[in-house]
Amino acid sequence: MEDKKVSLAEEAYQLAKEYEATCTGCAQSVVAGLLDALGIEEEGVFKAASGLADGIGLTGDGSCGALTGGCMVLGLLFGRERKDHRDMMKPMRSYLLCKELHDHFVETWGSSRCYDIQKRLMGRTYNMYDPRELQEAFRSGMVEHCSEVVGRAARRVAELIEKERSREDSRGTGRD
């Protein structure tokens, strides 16, 4: 059997999915999987993602943490720098990439909202602060479902990164 190098997208998928299955924290799992696959050490972005799990603060009432974590990595790589804060056009590149990721979520799961994705995958939502509901969520396969969402989000972000870097290379405008 031929030994093939694993693509960035597949490596990000596998790492993020495994992190979610073993560590939980969808936003951090996406960030960790992507940063590890890219070979980037960046503790600040990883730490900043910690409150974004389960639709922000385990509420379910916000964007899926896998989406927000993916957007954080896209912003890290392609976002506006502080020195350019007054330039309203500088973040447009990251806006467009994050919109692509958002649209992918809506196309794949019918929504970008955590509650809606949970309902689609598990038939209901769970109050993660109620110990009985938390146990019920685990029994329902939430970890497996969310791990797949996380892995697929990391894969899509990696594909967007590769596409954007390819554009940069073809324009000769690559970053350091």
C-alpha atoms as a PDB file:
ATOM      1  CA  MET A   1       0.000   0.000   0.000  1.00  0.00           C
ATOM      2  CA  GLU A   2       1.283   3.426  -0.972  1.00  0.00           C
ATOM      3  CA  ASP A   3       2.211   5.754   1.881  1.00  0.00           C
ATOM      4  CA  LYS A   4       0.478   9.062   1.221  1.00  0.00           C
ATOM      5  CA  LYS A   5       0.907  12.321   3.060  1.00  0.00           C
ATOM      6  CA  VAL A   6      -2.291  13.265   4.848  1.00  0.00           C
ATOM      7  CA  SER A   7      -3.760  16.495   3.521  1.00  0.00           C
ATOM      8  CA  LEU A   8      -3.988  19.530   5.772  1.00  0.00           C
ATOM      9  CA  ALA A   9      -7.782  19.311   5.616  1.00  0.00           C
ATOM     10  CA  GLU A  10      -7.843  15.646   6.629  1.00  0.00           C
ATOM     11  CA  GLU A  11      -5.302  16.171   9.412  1.00  0.00           C
ATOM     12  CA  ALA A  12      -7.319  19.114  10.789  1.00  0.00           C
ATOM     13  CA  TYR A  13     -10.499  17.002  10.596  1.00  0.00           C
ATOM     14  CA  GLN A  14      -8.962  14.082  12.497  1.00  0.00           C
ATOM     15  CA  LEU A  15      -7.252  16.203  15.155  1.00  0.00           C
ATOM     16  CA  ALA A  16     -10.266  18.424  15.847  1.00  0.00           C
ATOM     17  CA  LYS A  17     -12.657  15.464  15.942  1.00  0.00           C
ATOM     18  CA  GLU A  18     -10.409  13.633  18.397  1.00  0.00           C
ATOM     19  CA  TYR A  19      -9.984  16.715  20.588  1.00  0.00           C
ATOM     20  CA  GLU A  20     -13.749  17.185  20.777  1.00  0.00           C
ATOM     21  CA  ALA A  21     -14.304  13.518  21.600  1.00  0.00           C
ATOM     22  CA  THR A  22     -11.711  13.480  24.384  1.00  0.00           C
ATOM     23  CA  CYS A  23     -11.543  17.057  25.683  1.00  0.00           C
ATOM     24  CA  THR A  24     -14.838  18.686  24.561  1.00  0.00           C
ATOM     25  CA  GLY A  25     -15.136  22.425  24.003  1.00  0.00           C
ATOM     26  CA  CYS A  26     -16.092  22.691  20.334  1.00  0.00           C
ATOM     27  CA  ALA A  27     -14.505  26.080  19.661  1.00  0.00           C
ATOM     28  CA  GLN A  28     -11.232  25.133  21.343  1.00  0.00           C
ATOM     29  CA  SER A  29     -11.226  21.734  19.639  1.00  0.00           C
ATOM     30  CA  VAL A  30     -11.485  23.352  16.199  1.00  0.00           C
ATOM     31  CA  VAL A  31      -8.811  25.903  17.083  1.00  0.00           C
ATOM     32  CA  ALA A  32      -6.461  23.226  18.476  1.00  0.00           C
ATOM     33  CA  GLY A  33      -6.975  20.888  15.534  1.00  0.00           C
ATOM     34  CA  LEU A  34      -6.325  23.609  12.991  1.00  0.00           C
ATOM     35  CA  LEU A  35      -3.359  25.162  14.778  1.00  0.00           C
ATOM     36  CA  ASP A  36      -1.763  21.748  15.303  1.00  0.00           C
ATOM     37  CA  ALA A  37      -2.307  20.757  11.664  1.00  0.00           C
ATOM     38  CA  LEU A  38      -0.826  24.086  10.552  1.00  0.00           C
ATOM     39  CA  GLY A  39       2.097  23.816  12.995  1.00  0.00           C
ATOM     40  CA  ILE A  40       1.200  27.109  14.683  1.00  0.00           C
ATOM     41  CA  GLU A  41       1.727  27.670  18.407  1.00  0.00           C
ATOM     42  CA  GLU A  42      -0.773  30.315  19.527  1.00  0.00           C
ATOM     43  CA  GLU A  43      -2.012  30.023  23.095  1.00  0.00           C
ATOM     44  CA  GLY A  44      -3.987  33.296  23.055  1.00  0.00           C
ATOM     45  CA  VAL A  45      -6.451  32.279  20.361  1.00  0.00           C
ATOM     46  CA  PHE A  46      -6.907  28.854  21.934  1.00  0.00           C
ATOM     47  CA  LYS A  47      -7.550  30.382  25.348  1.00  0.00           C
ATOM     48  CA  ALA A  48      -9.910  33.040  23.917  1.00  0.00           C
ATOM     49  CA  ALA A  49     -12.055  30.256  22.427  1.00  0.00           C
ATOM     50  CA  SER A  50     -12.751  28.656  25.814  1.00  0.00           C
ATOM     51  CA  GLY A  51     -16.025  30.465  26.490  1.00  0.00           C
ATOM     52  CA  LEU A  52     -17.526  29.756  23.086  1.00  0.00           C
ATOM     53  CA  ALA A  53     -18.593  26.135  23.528  1.00  0.00           C
ATOM     54  CA  ASP A  54     -22.191  25.043  22.932  1.00  0.00           C
ATOM     55  CA  GLY A  55     -23.376  28.292  21.388  1.00  0.00           C
ATOM     56  CA  ILE A  56     -21.432  30.540  23.808  1.00  0.00           C
ATOM     57  CA  GLY A  57     -21.112  29.701  27.487  1.00  0.00           C
ATOM     58  CA  LEU A  58     -22.942  26.360  27.139  1.00  0.00           C
ATOM     59  CA  THR A  59     -26.193  28.215  26.379  1.00  0.00           C
ATOM     60  CA  GLY A  60     -26.845  26.721  22.950  1.00  0.00           C
ATOM     61  CA  ASP A  61     -28.261  30.117  22.075  1.00  0.00           C
ATOM     62  CA  GLY A  62     -25.496  31.345  19.803  1.00  0.00           C
ATOM     63  CA  SER A  63     -23.459  30.277  16.831  1.00  0.00           C
ATOM     64  CA  CYS A  64     -22.016  26.788  16.990  1.00  0.00           C
ATOM     65  CA  GLY A  65     -18.629  26.836  18.733  1.00  0.00           C
ATOM     66  CA  ALA A  66     -17.107  24.934  15.824  1.00  0.00           C
ATOM     67  CA  LEU A  67     -18.084  27.839  13.572  1.00  0.00           C
ATOM     68  CA  THR A  68     -16.798  30.522  15.934  1.00  0.00           C
ATOM     69  CA  GLY A  69     -13.546  28.641  16.551  1.00  0.00           C
ATOM     70  CA  GLY A  70     -13.027  28.267  12.824  1.00  0.00           C
ATOM     71  CA  CYS A  71     -13.641  31.972  12.325  1.00  0.00           C
ATOM     72  CA  MET A  72     -11.074  32.743  15.005  1.00  0.00           C
ATOM     73  CA  VAL A  73      -8.410  30.840  13.085  1.00  0.00           C
ATOM     74  CA  LEU A  74      -9.411  32.469   9.807  1.00  0.00           C
ATOM     75  CA  GLY A  75      -9.147  35.855  11.516  1.00  0.00           C
ATOM     76  CA  LEU A  76      -5.765  34.949  12.980  1.00  0.00           C
ATOM     77  CA  LEU A  77      -4.410  34.112   9.538  1.00  0.00           C
ATOM     78  CA  PHE A  78      -6.208  36.612   7.320  1.00  0.00           C
ATOM     79  CA  GLY A  79      -7.619  39.285   9.618  1.00  0.00           C
ATOM     80  CA  ARG A  80      -6.921  42.946  10.148  1.00  0.00           C
ATOM     81  CA  GLU A  81      -3.972  43.806  12.339  1.00  0.00           C
ATOM     82  CA  ARG A  82      -4.205  46.307  15.176  1.00  0.00           C
ATOM     83  CA  LYS A  83      -2.053  48.818  13.301  1.00  0.00           C
ATOM     84  CA  ASP A  84      -4.749  48.860  10.584  1.00  0.00           C
ATOM     85  CA  HIS A  85      -7.726  49.115  12.933  1.00  0.00           C
ATOM     86  CA  ARG A  86      -8.903  52.409  11.407  1.00  0.00           C
ATOM     87  CA  ASP A  87      -8.943  50.914   7.895  1.00  0.00           C
ATOM     88  CA  MET A  88     -12.488  49.574   7.513  1.00  0.00           C
ATOM     89  CA  MET A  89     -11.613  47.586   4.385  1.00  0.00           C
ATOM     90  CA  LYS A  90      -8.718  45.611   5.926  1.00  0.00           C
ATOM     91  CA  PRO A  91     -10.935  42.955   7.587  1.00  0.00           C
ATOM     92  CA  MET A  92     -12.924  42.320   4.390  1.00  0.00           C
ATOM     93  CA  ARG A  93     -10.819  39.287   3.512  1.00  0.00           C
ATOM     94  CA  SER A  94     -11.558  37.594   6.843  1.00  0.00           C
ATOM     95  CA  TYR A  95     -15.226  38.632   6.613  1.00  0.00           C
ATOM     96  CA  LEU A  96     -15.554  36.878   3.264  1.00  0.00           C
ATOM     97  CA  LEU A  97     -13.820  33.713   4.483  1.00  0.00           C
ATOM     98  CA  CYS A  98     -15.950  33.587   7.636  1.00  0.00           C
ATOM     99  CA  LYS A  99     -19.061  34.125   5.532  1.00  0.00           C
ATOM    100  CA  GLU A 100     -18.054  31.125   3.401  1.00  0.00           C
ATOM    101  CA  LEU A 101     -17.731  29.034   6.557  1.00  0.00           C
ATOM    102  CA  HIS A 102     -21.070  30.317   7.879  1.00  0.00           C
ATOM    103  CA  ASP A 103     -22.772  29.524   4.568  1.00  0.00           C
ATOM    104  CA  HIS A 104     -21.260  26.032   4.660  1.00  0.00           C
ATOM    105  CA  PHE A 105     -22.835  25.496   8.099  1.00  0.00           C
ATOM    106  CA  VAL A 106     -26.229  26.657   6.893  1.00  0.00           C
ATOM    107  CA  GLU A 107     -25.991  24.462   3.798  1.00  0.00           C
ATOM    108  CA  THR A 108     -24.821  21.406   5.763  1.00  0.00           C
ATOM    109  CA  TRP A 109     -26.881  21.645   8.970  1.00  0.00           C
ATOM    110  CA  GLY A 110     -29.634  24.094   8.083  1.00  0.00           C
ATOM    111  CA  SER A 111     -28.373  26.696  10.560  1.00  0.00           C
ATOM    112  CA  SER A 112     -25.297  28.101  12.247  1.00  0.00           C
ATOM    113  CA  ARG A 113     -27.030  28.200  15.648  1.00  0.00           C
ATOM    114  CA  CYS A 114     -26.029  25.551  18.175  1.00  0.00           C
ATOM    115  CA  TYR A 115     -29.605  24.756  19.309  1.00  0.00           C
ATOM    116  CA  ASP A 116     -30.744  24.228  15.731  1.00  0.00           C
ATOM    117  CA  ILE A 117     -27.829  21.930  14.932  1.00  0.00           C
ATOM    118  CA  GLN A 118     -28.456  19.937  18.126  1.00  0.00           C
ATOM    119  CA  LYS A 119     -32.131  19.532  17.217  1.00  0.00           C
ATOM    120  CA  ARG A 120     -31.234  18.377  13.734  1.00  0.00           C
ATOM    121  CA  LEU A 121     -28.651  15.849  14.921  1.00  0.00           C
ATOM    122  CA  MET A 122     -30.173  14.671  18.220  1.00  0.00           C
ATOM    123  CA  GLY A 123     -33.806  15.639  17.975  1.00  0.00           C
ATOM    124  CA  ARG A 124     -33.621  18.067  20.887  1.00  0.00           C
ATOM    125  CA  THR A 125     -31.406  20.433  22.865  1.00  0.00           C
ATOM    126  CA  TYR A 126     -29.961  19.997  26.320  1.00  0.00           C
ATOM    127  CA  ASN A 127     -29.364  22.269  29.304  1.00  0.00           C
ATOM    128  CA  MET A 128     -25.693  21.601  29.930  1.00  0.00           C
ATOM    129  CA  TYR A 129     -25.927  23.134  33.407  1.00  0.00           C
ATOM    130  CA  ASP A 130     -28.483  20.563  34.596  1.00  0.00           C
ATOM    131  CA  PRO A 131     -26.601  17.404  35.657  1.00  0.00           C
ATOM    132  CA  ARG A 132     -29.448  15.108  34.548  1.00  0.00           C
ATOM    133  CA  GLU A 133     -29.688  16.725  31.135  1.00  0.00           C
ATOM    134  CA  LEU A 134     -25.919  16.659  30.781  1.00  0.00           C
ATOM    135  CA  GLN A 135     -25.938  12.898  31.382  1.00  0.00           C
ATOM    136  CA  GLU A 136     -28.835  12.531  28.958  1.00  0.00           C
ATOM    137  CA  ALA A 137     -26.882  14.510  26.351  1.00  0.00           C
ATOM    138  CA  PHE A 138     -23.939  12.152  26.704  1.00  0.00           C
ATOM    139  CA  ARG A 139     -26.228   9.107  26.450  1.00  0.00           C
ATOM    140  CA  SER A 140     -27.860  10.557  23.341  1.00  0.00           C
ATOM    141  CA  GLY A 141     -24.539  10.573  21.510  1.00  0.00           C
ATOM    142  CA  MET A 142     -23.875  14.288  21.768  1.00  0.00           C
ATOM    143  CA  VAL A 143     -20.120  13.764  21.947  1.00  0.00           C
ATOM    144  CA  GLU A 144     -20.117  11.721  18.748  1.00  0.00           C
ATOM    145  CA  HIS A 145     -22.424  14.137  16.924  1.00  0.00           C
ATOM    146  CA  CYS A 146     -20.529  17.230  18.023  1.00  0.00           C
ATOM    147  CA  SER A 147     -17.174  15.596  17.264  1.00  0.00           C
ATOM    148  CA  GLU A 148     -18.283  15.097  13.679  1.00  0.00           C
ATOM    149  CA  VAL A 149     -19.481  18.710  13.387  1.00  0.00           C
ATOM    150  CA  VAL A 150     -16.168  19.898  14.858  1.00  0.00           C
ATOM    151  CA  GLY A 151     -14.104  17.709  12.540  1.00  0.00           C
ATOM    152  CA  ARG A 152     -16.034  18.790   9.478  1.00  0.00           C
ATOM    153  CA  ALA A 153     -15.745  22.460  10.462  1.00  0.00           C
ATOM    154  CA  ALA A 154     -11.966  22.136  10.862  1.00  0.00           C
ATOM    155  CA  ARG A 155     -11.761  20.394   7.498  1.00  0.00           C
ATOM    156  CA  ARG A 156     -13.712  23.193   5.787  1.00  0.00           C
ATOM    157  CA  VAL A 157     -11.570  25.885   7.428  1.00  0.00           C
ATOM    158  CA  ALA A 158      -8.399  24.078   6.300  1.00  0.00           C
ATOM    159  CA  GLU A 159      -9.787  23.949   2.747  1.00  0.00           C
ATOM    160  CA  LEU A 160     -10.524  27.685   2.891  1.00  0.00           C
ATOM    161  CA  ILE A 161      -6.989  28.353   4.183  1.00  0.00           C
ATOM    162  CA  GLU A 162      -5.446  26.297   1.387  1.00  0.00           C
ATOM    163  CA  LYS A 163      -7.614  28.047  -1.216  1.00  0.00           C
ATOM    164  CA  GLU A 164      -6.721  31.488   0.133  1.00  0.00           C
ATOM    165  CA  ARG A 165      -3.006  30.693   0.302  1.00  0.00           C
ATOM    166  CA  SER A 166      -3.155  29.428  -3.268  1.00  0.00           C
ATOM    167  CA  ARG A 167      -4.728  32.751  -4.311  1.00  0.00           C
ATOM    168  CA  GLU A 168      -1.969  34.600  -2.478  1.00  0.00           C
ATOM    169  CA  ASP A 169       0.694  32.565  -4.235  1.00  0.00           C
ATOM    170  CA  SER A 170      -0.840  33.169  -7.655  1.00  0.00           C
ATOM    171  CA  ARG A 171      -1.000  36.941  -6.965  1.00  0.00           C
ATOM    172  CA  GLY A 172       2.457  36.997  -5.428  1.00  0.00           C
ATOM    173  CA  THR A 173       1.093  38.672  -2.301  1.00  0.00           C
ATOM    174  CA  GLY A 174       1.864  36.023   0.279  1.00  0.00           C
ATOM    175  CA  ARG A 175       2.312  36.969   3.895  1.00  0.00           C
ATOM    176  CA  ASP A 176       5.432  36.353   5.963  1.00  0.00           C
END
